[in-house]
């Protein structure tokens, strides 16, 4: 293809390229250019001195990080939260989409779907306020229920064992409806003739779901599962940070909050960069591993 044809195609699709341009600029400025500053982890970096005035320490911060028991503990906290989320929140949107698909009333289906994904648009600060109000030992609904049953109200956010359940349950409420939209869209792309053929062969609704719907949704499910596995070392930072307190810190301190406190609060930029970089590397490894396993088992993968 010569340059004249390329220029003509670019001009013909100029408005599409203009729509993409802000995203490209965003990725370059905030995703790719910061990669240059990852070398901060190899210095004893001082913000006002820059690289020229900071001492080169090589892999010292990485050695310190690997030998730190705190780092392993925070990885354990992060994986604990995300494993529960993976087990409960990954199949839930699929199940919800399948149930909605079986509803015959279009009006009821639309109303249910709209109500279910509205919580997704609630800001994190408002969500945390709702959680605090719900579990408050003085004015919360759970406290009122405990008093009605003659029990002593419990401050759930002060008990480390309740931190993960509170996050998973609130995440379920906020995300299941919105995540189901992807499966609902995928359901519409399944060839209707497959259902007709299944009905001719005598398959009922359950067998149609088992042999037509689920195989049709499996590629979408696998892709979303791989992406969720890749984000297992990351959390909703704002939500975790706002729900933290000194009493539940043993369970609520995660890798992202640990890196934030190192870098922004304690101004230990080099060590925080090393921790953040290792977090990203481990996430990439998880994506690669999940993709390899998926391609072997289901022949579906991201790449």
C-alpha atoms as a PDB file:
ATOM      1  CA  UNK A   1       0.000   0.000   0.000  1.00  0.00           C
ATOM      2  CA  UNK A   2       1.579   3.277  -1.102  1.00  0.00           C
ATOM      3  CA  UNK A   3       1.665   6.468   0.905  1.00  0.00           C
ATOM      4  CA  UNK A   4      -1.051   8.112  -1.184  1.00  0.00           C
ATOM      5  CA  UNK A   5      -3.577   5.437  -0.240  1.00  0.00           C
ATOM      6  CA  UNK A   6      -2.491   5.620   3.414  1.00  0.00           C
ATOM      7  CA  UNK A   7      -2.932   9.412   3.486  1.00  0.00           C
ATOM      8  CA  UNK A   8      -6.325   9.106   1.794  1.00  0.00           C
ATOM      9  CA  UNK A   9      -7.498   6.544   4.336  1.00  0.00           C
ATOM     10  CA  UNK A  10      -6.267   8.687   7.237  1.00  0.00           C
ATOM     11  CA  UNK A  11      -8.070  11.730   5.855  1.00  0.00           C
ATOM     12  CA  UNK A  12     -11.239   9.734   5.256  1.00  0.00           C
ATOM     13  CA  UNK A  13     -11.204   8.498   8.869  1.00  0.00           C
ATOM     14  CA  UNK A  14      -9.846  11.729  10.368  1.00  0.00           C
ATOM     15  CA  UNK A  15     -12.717  12.141  12.831  1.00  0.00           C
ATOM     16  CA  UNK A  16     -12.157   8.633  14.219  1.00  0.00           C
ATOM     17  CA  UNK A  17      -8.449   9.394  14.687  1.00  0.00           C
ATOM     18  CA  UNK A  18      -9.357  12.661  16.410  1.00  0.00           C
ATOM     19  CA  UNK A  19     -11.556  10.715  18.833  1.00  0.00           C
ATOM     20  CA  UNK A  20      -8.671   8.339  19.585  1.00  0.00           C
ATOM     21  CA  UNK A  21      -6.111  11.153  19.964  1.00  0.00           C
ATOM     22  CA  UNK A  22      -6.945  12.133  23.598  1.00  0.00           C
ATOM     23  CA  UNK A  23      -6.558   8.485  24.692  1.00  0.00           C
ATOM     24  CA  UNK A  24      -3.209   8.212  22.905  1.00  0.00           C
ATOM     25  CA  UNK A  25      -1.990  11.433  24.550  1.00  0.00           C
ATOM     26  CA  UNK A  26      -3.208  10.188  27.941  1.00  0.00           C
ATOM     27  CA  UNK A  27      -1.357   6.874  27.554  1.00  0.00           C
ATOM     28  CA  UNK A  28       1.859   8.561  26.458  1.00  0.00           C
ATOM     29  CA  UNK A  29       1.874  11.194  29.216  1.00  0.00           C
ATOM     30  CA  UNK A  30       0.627   9.122  32.140  1.00  0.00           C
ATOM     31  CA  UNK A  31       1.551   5.526  31.257  1.00  0.00           C
ATOM     32  CA  UNK A  32       4.639   5.409  29.052  1.00  0.00           C
ATOM     33  CA  UNK A  33       6.634   8.509  29.994  1.00  0.00           C
ATOM     34  CA  UNK A  34       6.599   7.633  33.735  1.00  0.00           C
ATOM     35  CA  UNK A  35       8.370   4.357  32.887  1.00  0.00           C
ATOM     36  CA  UNK A  36      11.581   6.378  32.542  1.00  0.00           C
ATOM     37  CA  UNK A  37      11.390   7.283  36.220  1.00  0.00           C
ATOM     38  CA  UNK A  38      11.289   3.659  37.378  1.00  0.00           C
ATOM     39  CA  UNK A  39      15.063   3.958  37.691  1.00  0.00           C
ATOM     40  CA  UNK A  40      14.353   5.862  40.913  1.00  0.00           C
ATOM     41  CA  UNK A  41      14.377   2.411  42.527  1.00  0.00           C
ATOM     42  CA  UNK A  42      18.116   2.141  41.756  1.00  0.00           C
ATOM     43  CA  UNK A  43      18.961   5.401  43.561  1.00  0.00           C
ATOM     44  CA  UNK A  44      18.697   6.768  47.063  1.00  0.00           C
ATOM     45  CA  UNK A  45      16.504   9.355  45.411  1.00  0.00           C
ATOM     46  CA  UNK A  46      16.115  12.876  46.774  1.00  0.00           C
ATOM     47  CA  UNK A  47      13.345  14.873  45.173  1.00  0.00           C
ATOM     48  CA  UNK A  48      15.070  18.274  45.242  1.00  0.00           C
ATOM     49  CA  UNK A  49      18.424  16.894  44.083  1.00  0.00           C
ATOM     50  CA  UNK A  50      17.193  14.810  41.156  1.00  0.00           C
ATOM     51  CA  UNK A  51      19.121  11.894  39.693  1.00  0.00           C
ATOM     52  CA  UNK A  52      22.384  13.835  39.435  1.00  0.00           C
ATOM     53  CA  UNK A  53      22.454  14.603  43.158  1.00  0.00           C
ATOM     54  CA  UNK A  54      21.118  11.245  44.375  1.00  0.00           C
ATOM     55  CA  UNK A  55      23.329   8.318  45.312  1.00  0.00           C
ATOM     56  CA  UNK A  56      23.312   5.184  43.144  1.00  0.00           C
ATOM     57  CA  UNK A  57      22.502   2.125  45.279  1.00  0.00           C
ATOM     58  CA  UNK A  58      21.757  -0.505  42.617  1.00  0.00           C
ATOM     59  CA  UNK A  59      19.528  -3.339  43.794  1.00  0.00           C
ATOM     60  CA  UNK A  60      19.719  -2.432  47.472  1.00  0.00           C
ATOM     61  CA  UNK A  61      16.024  -1.526  47.727  1.00  0.00           C
ATOM     62  CA  UNK A  62      14.991  -4.791  46.038  1.00  0.00           C
ATOM     63  CA  UNK A  63      17.151  -6.838  48.424  1.00  0.00           C
ATOM     64  CA  UNK A  64      15.629  -4.972  51.349  1.00  0.00           C
ATOM     65  CA  UNK A  65      12.154  -5.549  49.941  1.00  0.00           C
ATOM     66  CA  UNK A  66      12.595  -9.300  49.469  1.00  0.00           C
ATOM     67  CA  UNK A  67      13.986  -9.661  52.980  1.00  0.00           C
ATOM     68  CA  UNK A  68      11.145  -7.678  54.539  1.00  0.00           C
ATOM     69  CA  UNK A  69       8.514  -9.832  56.299  1.00  0.00           C
ATOM     70  CA  UNK A  70       6.068  -6.931  56.023  1.00  0.00           C
ATOM     71  CA  UNK A  71       6.095  -7.106  52.217  1.00  0.00           C
ATOM     72  CA  UNK A  72       5.139 -10.804  52.257  1.00  0.00           C
ATOM     73  CA  UNK A  73       2.417 -10.079  54.802  1.00  0.00           C
ATOM     74  CA  UNK A  74       0.906  -7.344  52.626  1.00  0.00           C
ATOM     75  CA  UNK A  75       1.039  -9.636  49.593  1.00  0.00           C
ATOM     76  CA  UNK A  76      -0.839 -12.213  51.684  1.00  0.00           C
ATOM     77  CA  UNK A  77      -3.491  -9.646  52.671  1.00  0.00           C
ATOM     78  CA  UNK A  78      -3.908  -8.540  49.056  1.00  0.00           C
ATOM     79  CA  UNK A  79      -4.174 -12.102  47.744  1.00  0.00           C
ATOM     80  CA  UNK A  80      -6.585 -13.087  50.525  1.00  0.00           C
ATOM     81  CA  UNK A  81      -8.990 -10.297  49.591  1.00  0.00           C
ATOM     82  CA  UNK A  82      -8.708 -10.894  45.861  1.00  0.00           C
ATOM     83  CA  UNK A  83      -9.011 -14.674  46.075  1.00  0.00           C
ATOM     84  CA  UNK A  84     -12.344 -14.299  47.832  1.00  0.00           C
ATOM     85  CA  UNK A  85     -13.381 -11.711  45.248  1.00  0.00           C
ATOM     86  CA  UNK A  86     -12.233 -14.027  42.447  1.00  0.00           C
ATOM     87  CA  UNK A  87     -14.244 -16.966  43.768  1.00  0.00           C
ATOM     88  CA  UNK A  88     -17.429 -15.022  44.527  1.00  0.00           C
ATOM     89  CA  UNK A  89     -17.492 -12.065  42.142  1.00  0.00           C
ATOM     90  CA  UNK A  90     -16.312 -13.737  38.930  1.00  0.00           C
ATOM     91  CA  UNK A  91     -19.176 -16.250  38.457  1.00  0.00           C
ATOM     92  CA  UNK A  92     -21.853 -14.012  40.035  1.00  0.00           C
ATOM     93  CA  UNK A  93     -22.311 -11.649  37.014  1.00  0.00           C
ATOM     94  CA  UNK A  94     -22.521 -14.671  34.700  1.00  0.00           C
ATOM     95  CA  UNK A  95     -25.211 -16.276  36.860  1.00  0.00           C
ATOM     96  CA  UNK A  96     -27.117 -12.979  37.106  1.00  0.00           C
ATOM     97  CA  UNK A  97     -26.998 -12.508  33.308  1.00  0.00           C
ATOM     98  CA  UNK A  98     -28.277 -16.057  32.764  1.00  0.00           C
ATOM     99  CA  UNK A  99     -31.165 -15.478  35.177  1.00  0.00           C
ATOM    100  CA  UNK A 100     -32.084 -12.214  33.471  1.00  0.00           C
ATOM    101  CA  UNK A 101     -31.952 -13.950  30.111  1.00  0.00           C
ATOM    102  CA  UNK A 102     -34.662 -16.364  31.277  1.00  0.00           C
ATOM    103  CA  UNK A 103     -37.054 -13.548  32.208  1.00  0.00           C
ATOM    104  CA  UNK A 104     -39.784 -13.187  29.585  1.00  0.00           C
ATOM    105  CA  UNK A 105     -41.081  -9.771  30.642  1.00  0.00           C
ATOM    106  CA  UNK A 106     -38.966  -7.189  28.824  1.00  0.00           C
ATOM    107  CA  UNK A 107     -40.157  -4.413  31.140  1.00  0.00           C
ATOM    108  CA  UNK A 108     -39.230  -6.341  34.310  1.00  0.00           C
ATOM    109  CA  UNK A 109     -35.871  -7.292  32.796  1.00  0.00           C
ATOM    110  CA  UNK A 110     -34.982  -3.671  31.963  1.00  0.00           C
ATOM    111  CA  UNK A 111     -36.048  -2.382  35.386  1.00  0.00           C
ATOM    112  CA  UNK A 112     -34.085  -5.124  37.192  1.00  0.00           C
ATOM    113  CA  UNK A 113     -30.994  -4.556  35.079  1.00  0.00           C
ATOM    114  CA  UNK A 114     -31.121  -0.782  35.623  1.00  0.00           C
ATOM    115  CA  UNK A 115     -31.517  -1.110  39.390  1.00  0.00           C
ATOM    116  CA  UNK A 116     -28.718  -3.686  39.578  1.00  0.00           C
ATOM    117  CA  UNK A 117     -26.046  -1.575  37.889  1.00  0.00           C
ATOM    118  CA  UNK A 118     -26.920   1.764  39.525  1.00  0.00           C
ATOM    119  CA  UNK A 119     -24.648   1.049  42.544  1.00  0.00           C
ATOM    120  CA  UNK A 120     -21.681   0.992  40.149  1.00  0.00           C
ATOM    121  CA  UNK A 121     -22.006   4.760  39.748  1.00  0.00           C
ATOM    122  CA  UNK A 122     -21.832   5.475  43.477  1.00  0.00           C
ATOM    123  CA  UNK A 123     -18.536   7.149  44.308  1.00  0.00           C
ATOM    124  CA  UNK A 124     -16.101   5.360  46.600  1.00  0.00           C
ATOM    125  CA  UNK A 125     -16.418   8.020  49.308  1.00  0.00           C
ATOM    126  CA  UNK A 126     -20.209   7.668  49.362  1.00  0.00           C
ATOM    127  CA  UNK A 127     -19.920   3.872  49.383  1.00  0.00           C
ATOM    128  CA  UNK A 128     -17.555   3.942  52.369  1.00  0.00           C
ATOM    129  CA  UNK A 129     -19.945   6.314  54.154  1.00  0.00           C
ATOM    130  CA  UNK A 130     -22.789   3.862  53.540  1.00  0.00           C
ATOM    131  CA  UNK A 131     -20.680   0.987  54.890  1.00  0.00           C
ATOM    132  CA  UNK A 132     -19.757   2.985  57.994  1.00  0.00           C
ATOM    133  CA  UNK A 133     -23.393   3.877  58.564  1.00  0.00           C
ATOM    134  CA  UNK A 134     -24.497   0.261  58.091  1.00  0.00           C
ATOM    135  CA  UNK A 135     -21.970  -1.315  60.478  1.00  0.00           C
ATOM    136  CA  UNK A 136     -21.752   1.527  63.001  1.00  0.00           C
ATOM    137  CA  UNK A 137     -21.931   0.087  66.552  1.00  0.00           C
ATOM    138  CA  UNK A 138     -24.050   3.022  67.729  1.00  0.00           C
ATOM    139  CA  UNK A 139     -26.428   3.971  64.888  1.00  0.00           C
ATOM    140  CA  UNK A 140     -26.005   1.218  62.292  1.00  0.00           C
ATOM    141  CA  UNK A 141     -28.673  -1.221  61.113  1.00  0.00           C
ATOM    142  CA  UNK A 142     -26.679  -4.183  62.401  1.00  0.00           C
ATOM    143  CA  UNK A 143     -26.364  -2.498  65.793  1.00  0.00           C
ATOM    144  CA  UNK A 144     -30.120  -1.919  65.937  1.00  0.00           C
ATOM    145  CA  UNK A 145     -30.747  -5.552  65.011  1.00  0.00           C
ATOM    146  CA  UNK A 146     -28.315  -6.750  67.694  1.00  0.00           C
ATOM    147  CA  UNK A 147     -30.029  -4.582  70.320  1.00  0.00           C
ATOM    148  CA  UNK A 148     -33.436  -5.905  69.264  1.00  0.00           C
ATOM    149  CA  UNK A 149     -32.159  -9.456  69.784  1.00  0.00           C
ATOM    150  CA  UNK A 150     -30.691  -8.557  73.163  1.00  0.00           C
ATOM    151  CA  UNK A 151     -27.093  -8.763  71.920  1.00  0.00           C
ATOM    152  CA  UNK A 152     -24.227  -6.310  72.315  1.00  0.00           C
ATOM    153  CA  UNK A 153     -23.497  -4.339  69.103  1.00  0.00           C
ATOM    154  CA  UNK A 154     -20.146  -5.072  67.474  1.00  0.00           C
ATOM    155  CA  UNK A 155     -17.836  -2.579  65.812  1.00  0.00           C
ATOM    156  CA  UNK A 156     -17.135  -4.738  62.764  1.00  0.00           C
ATOM    157  CA  UNK A 157     -14.601  -2.366  61.203  1.00  0.00           C
ATOM    158  CA  UNK A 158     -12.406  -2.649  64.299  1.00  0.00           C
ATOM    159  CA  UNK A 159     -12.106  -6.446  63.949  1.00  0.00           C
ATOM    160  CA  UNK A 160      -9.555  -7.548  61.322  1.00  0.00           C
ATOM    161  CA  UNK A 161     -11.422 -10.797  60.541  1.00  0.00           C
ATOM    162  CA  UNK A 162     -14.422  -8.850  59.226  1.00  0.00           C
ATOM    163  CA  UNK A 163     -12.469  -6.562  56.880  1.00  0.00           C
ATOM    164  CA  UNK A 164     -12.382  -8.970  53.910  1.00  0.00           C
ATOM    165  CA  UNK A 165     -16.081 -10.008  54.185  1.00  0.00           C
ATOM    166  CA  UNK A 166     -17.161  -6.358  54.370  1.00  0.00           C
ATOM    167  CA  UNK A 167     -15.158  -5.536  51.235  1.00  0.00           C
ATOM    168  CA  UNK A 168     -16.332  -8.575  49.284  1.00  0.00           C
ATOM    169  CA  UNK A 169     -20.013  -8.126  50.171  1.00  0.00           C
ATOM    170  CA  UNK A 170     -20.003  -4.407  49.360  1.00  0.00           C
ATOM    171  CA  UNK A 171     -18.080  -5.157  46.147  1.00  0.00           C
ATOM    172  CA  UNK A 172     -20.691  -7.756  45.217  1.00  0.00           C
ATOM    173  CA  UNK A 173     -23.489  -5.222  45.661  1.00  0.00           C
ATOM    174  CA  UNK A 174     -21.678  -2.553  43.670  1.00  0.00           C
ATOM    175  CA  UNK A 175     -20.234  -4.543  40.770  1.00  0.00           C
ATOM    176  CA  UNK A 176     -22.359  -7.576  39.910  1.00  0.00           C
ATOM    177  CA  UNK A 177     -25.040  -5.692  37.980  1.00  0.00           C
ATOM    178  CA  UNK A 178     -22.539  -3.652  35.994  1.00  0.00           C
ATOM    179  CA  UNK A 179     -20.293  -6.630  35.204  1.00  0.00           C
ATOM    180  CA  UNK A 180     -23.327  -8.576  34.006  1.00  0.00           C
ATOM    181  CA  UNK A 181     -23.812  -6.039  31.192  1.00  0.00           C
ATOM    182  CA  UNK A 182     -20.857  -7.622  29.358  1.00  0.00           C
ATOM    183  CA  UNK A 183     -22.452 -11.069  29.522  1.00  0.00           C
ATOM    184  CA  UNK A 184     -25.842  -9.706  28.494  1.00  0.00           C
ATOM    185  CA  UNK A 185     -24.197  -8.174  25.427  1.00  0.00           C
ATOM    186  CA  UNK A 186     -22.442 -11.484  24.704  1.00  0.00           C
ATOM    187  CA  UNK A 187     -25.753 -13.342  24.980  1.00  0.00           C
ATOM    188  CA  UNK A 188     -27.190 -11.256  22.155  1.00  0.00           C
ATOM    189  CA  UNK A 189     -24.362 -12.370  19.857  1.00  0.00           C
ATOM    190  CA  UNK A 190     -25.100 -16.114  20.215  1.00  0.00           C
ATOM    191  CA  UNK A 191     -26.545 -17.487  16.974  1.00  0.00           C
ATOM    192  CA  UNK A 192     -30.312 -18.015  17.381  1.00  0.00           C
ATOM    193  CA  UNK A 193     -30.224 -20.992  14.994  1.00  0.00           C
ATOM    194  CA  UNK A 194     -28.268 -22.924  17.618  1.00  0.00           C
ATOM    195  CA  UNK A 195     -31.237 -22.648  19.995  1.00  0.00           C
ATOM    196  CA  UNK A 196     -33.622 -23.703  17.215  1.00  0.00           C
ATOM    197  CA  UNK A 197     -31.477 -26.743  16.462  1.00  0.00           C
ATOM    198  CA  UNK A 198     -31.354 -27.613  20.165  1.00  0.00           C
ATOM    199  CA  UNK A 199     -35.147 -27.354  20.448  1.00  0.00           C
ATOM    200  CA  UNK A 200     -35.591 -29.595  17.398  1.00  0.00           C
ATOM    201  CA  UNK A 201     -33.327 -32.149  19.072  1.00  0.00           C
ATOM    202  CA  UNK A 202     -35.613 -32.051  22.120  1.00  0.00           C
ATOM    203  CA  UNK A 203     -33.457 -29.930  24.448  1.00  0.00           C
ATOM    204  CA  UNK A 204     -35.294 -28.032  27.167  1.00  0.00           C
ATOM    205  CA  UNK A 205     -34.271 -24.661  28.620  1.00  0.00           C
ATOM    206  CA  UNK A 206     -31.763 -26.203  31.004  1.00  0.00           C
ATOM    207  CA  UNK A 207     -30.010 -28.225  28.273  1.00  0.00           C
ATOM    208  CA  UNK A 208     -30.069 -25.214  25.932  1.00  0.00           C
ATOM    209  CA  UNK A 209     -28.328 -23.202  28.636  1.00  0.00           C
ATOM    210  CA  UNK A 210     -25.845 -25.984  29.308  1.00  0.00           C
ATOM    211  CA  UNK A 211     -24.963 -26.824  25.691  1.00  0.00           C
ATOM    212  CA  UNK A 212     -25.563 -23.533  23.822  1.00  0.00           C
ATOM    213  CA  UNK A 213     -25.536 -20.537  26.163  1.00  0.00           C
ATOM    214  CA  UNK A 214     -22.617 -21.460  28.419  1.00  0.00           C
ATOM    215  CA  UNK A 215     -20.278 -22.481  25.539  1.00  0.00           C
ATOM    216  CA  UNK A 216     -21.195 -19.220  23.799  1.00  0.00           C
ATOM    217  CA  UNK A 217     -20.317 -17.209  26.907  1.00  0.00           C
ATOM    218  CA  UNK A 218     -17.184 -19.160  27.782  1.00  0.00           C
ATOM    219  CA  UNK A 219     -14.722 -17.016  25.734  1.00  0.00           C
ATOM    220  CA  UNK A 220     -16.042 -13.858  27.415  1.00  0.00           C
ATOM    221  CA  UNK A 221     -15.863 -15.500  30.849  1.00  0.00           C
ATOM    222  CA  UNK A 222     -12.294 -16.669  30.270  1.00  0.00           C
ATOM    223  CA  UNK A 223     -11.082 -13.252  29.123  1.00  0.00           C
ATOM    224  CA  UNK A 224     -12.652 -11.544  32.149  1.00  0.00           C
ATOM    225  CA  UNK A 225     -11.217 -14.220  34.450  1.00  0.00           C
ATOM    226  CA  UNK A 226      -7.702 -13.679  33.069  1.00  0.00           C
ATOM    227  CA  UNK A 227      -8.029  -9.917  33.544  1.00  0.00           C
ATOM    228  CA  UNK A 228      -9.231 -10.406  37.108  1.00  0.00           C
ATOM    229  CA  UNK A 229      -6.335 -12.751  37.869  1.00  0.00           C
ATOM    230  CA  UNK A 230      -3.951 -10.114  36.494  1.00  0.00           C
ATOM    231  CA  UNK A 231      -5.354  -7.541  38.898  1.00  0.00           C
ATOM    232  CA  UNK A 232      -5.115  -9.782  41.968  1.00  0.00           C
ATOM    233  CA  UNK A 233      -2.201  -7.785  43.389  1.00  0.00           C
ATOM    234  CA  UNK A 234      -4.163  -4.565  43.058  1.00  0.00           C
ATOM    235  CA  UNK A 235      -7.200  -3.397  44.997  1.00  0.00           C
ATOM    236  CA  UNK A 236      -9.668  -0.531  45.027  1.00  0.00           C
ATOM    237  CA  UNK A 237      -7.162   1.758  46.726  1.00  0.00           C
ATOM    238  CA  UNK A 238      -9.594   4.493  47.778  1.00  0.00           C
ATOM    239  CA  UNK A 239     -12.025   2.053  49.351  1.00  0.00           C
ATOM    240  CA  UNK A 240      -9.346   0.115  51.250  1.00  0.00           C
ATOM    241  CA  UNK A 241      -7.598   3.262  52.439  1.00  0.00           C
ATOM    242  CA  UNK A 242     -10.806   4.892  53.673  1.00  0.00           C
ATOM    243  CA  UNK A 243     -11.912   1.760  55.553  1.00  0.00           C
ATOM    244  CA  UNK A 244      -8.551   1.392  57.302  1.00  0.00           C
ATOM    245  CA  UNK A 245      -8.078   2.184  60.945  1.00  0.00           C
ATOM    246  CA  UNK A 246      -5.468   1.310  63.569  1.00  0.00           C
ATOM    247  CA  UNK A 247      -7.504  -1.635  64.829  1.00  0.00           C
ATOM    248  CA  UNK A 248      -7.953  -3.467  61.520  1.00  0.00           C
ATOM    249  CA  UNK A 249      -4.572  -2.563  60.008  1.00  0.00           C
ATOM    250  CA  UNK A 250      -3.242  -6.109  60.315  1.00  0.00           C
ATOM    251  CA  UNK A 251      -5.790  -7.226  57.704  1.00  0.00           C
ATOM    252  CA  UNK A 252      -6.411  -4.003  55.786  1.00  0.00           C
ATOM    253  CA  UNK A 253      -2.855  -3.026  54.865  1.00  0.00           C
ATOM    254  CA  UNK A 254      -2.468  -4.041  51.207  1.00  0.00           C
ATOM    255  CA  UNK A 255       0.312  -3.601  48.673  1.00  0.00           C
ATOM    256  CA  UNK A 256      -1.157  -0.430  47.071  1.00  0.00           C
ATOM    257  CA  UNK A 257      -1.708   1.276  50.427  1.00  0.00           C
ATOM    258  CA  UNK A 258       1.741   0.168  51.588  1.00  0.00           C
ATOM    259  CA  UNK A 259       3.375   1.667  48.478  1.00  0.00           C
ATOM    260  CA  UNK A 260       1.365   4.870  48.883  1.00  0.00           C
ATOM    261  CA  UNK A 261       2.412   5.312  52.507  1.00  0.00           C
ATOM    262  CA  UNK A 262       6.046   4.614  51.658  1.00  0.00           C
ATOM    263  CA  UNK A 263       6.166   7.088  48.806  1.00  0.00           C
ATOM    264  CA  UNK A 264       3.698   9.868  49.562  1.00  0.00           C
ATOM    265  CA  UNK A 265       3.532   9.815  53.359  1.00  0.00           C
ATOM    266  CA  UNK A 266       7.073   8.781  54.316  1.00  0.00           C
ATOM    267  CA  UNK A 267       8.722  10.278  51.189  1.00  0.00           C
ATOM    268  CA  UNK A 268      10.677   7.063  50.622  1.00  0.00           C
ATOM    269  CA  UNK A 269      10.349   7.303  46.850  1.00  0.00           C
ATOM    270  CA  UNK A 270      13.034   4.771  45.914  1.00  0.00           C
ATOM    271  CA  UNK A 271      11.733   1.941  48.100  1.00  0.00           C
ATOM    272  CA  UNK A 272       8.127   2.673  47.084  1.00  0.00           C
ATOM    273  CA  UNK A 273       9.094   2.564  43.396  1.00  0.00           C
ATOM    274  CA  UNK A 274      10.825  -0.788  43.900  1.00  0.00           C
ATOM    275  CA  UNK A 275       7.723  -2.193  45.633  1.00  0.00           C
ATOM    276  CA  UNK A 276       5.413  -0.817  42.944  1.00  0.00           C
ATOM    277  CA  UNK A 277       7.568  -2.196  40.133  1.00  0.00           C
ATOM    278  CA  UNK A 278       7.693  -5.664  41.674  1.00  0.00           C
ATOM    279  CA  UNK A 279       3.928  -5.525  42.125  1.00  0.00           C
ATOM    280  CA  UNK A 280       3.525  -4.780  38.400  1.00  0.00           C
ATOM    281  CA  UNK A 281       5.967  -7.514  37.375  1.00  0.00           C
ATOM    282  CA  UNK A 282       4.141 -10.087  39.497  1.00  0.00           C
ATOM    283  CA  UNK A 283       0.808  -8.971  37.991  1.00  0.00           C
ATOM    284  CA  UNK A 284       2.168  -9.453  34.459  1.00  0.00           C
ATOM    285  CA  UNK A 285       3.401 -12.912  35.440  1.00  0.00           C
ATOM    286  CA  UNK A 286      -0.065 -13.782  36.788  1.00  0.00           C
ATOM    287  CA  UNK A 287      -1.693 -12.652  33.523  1.00  0.00           C
ATOM    288  CA  UNK A 288       0.780 -14.704  31.485  1.00  0.00           C
ATOM    289  CA  UNK A 289       0.287 -17.787  33.663  1.00  0.00           C
ATOM    290  CA  UNK A 290      -3.509 -17.503  33.595  1.00  0.00           C
ATOM    291  CA  UNK A 291      -3.446 -17.019  29.825  1.00  0.00           C
ATOM    292  CA  UNK A 292      -1.234 -20.100  29.314  1.00  0.00           C
ATOM    293  CA  UNK A 293      -3.477 -22.260  31.499  1.00  0.00           C
ATOM    294  CA  UNK A 294      -6.603 -20.929  29.762  1.00  0.00           C
ATOM    295  CA  UNK A 295      -5.245 -21.665  26.286  1.00  0.00           C
ATOM    296  CA  UNK A 296      -4.335 -25.190  27.305  1.00  0.00           C
ATOM    297  CA  UNK A 297      -7.722 -25.897  28.917  1.00  0.00           C
ATOM    298  CA  UNK A 298     -10.202 -23.891  26.816  1.00  0.00           C
ATOM    299  CA  UNK A 299      -8.130 -22.800  23.781  1.00  0.00           C
ATOM    300  CA  UNK A 300      -9.163 -19.219  24.577  1.00  0.00           C
ATOM    301  CA  UNK A 301      -6.804 -16.492  25.730  1.00  0.00           C
ATOM    302  CA  UNK A 302      -5.895 -12.835  25.583  1.00  0.00           C
ATOM    303  CA  UNK A 303      -2.838 -13.448  23.397  1.00  0.00           C
END
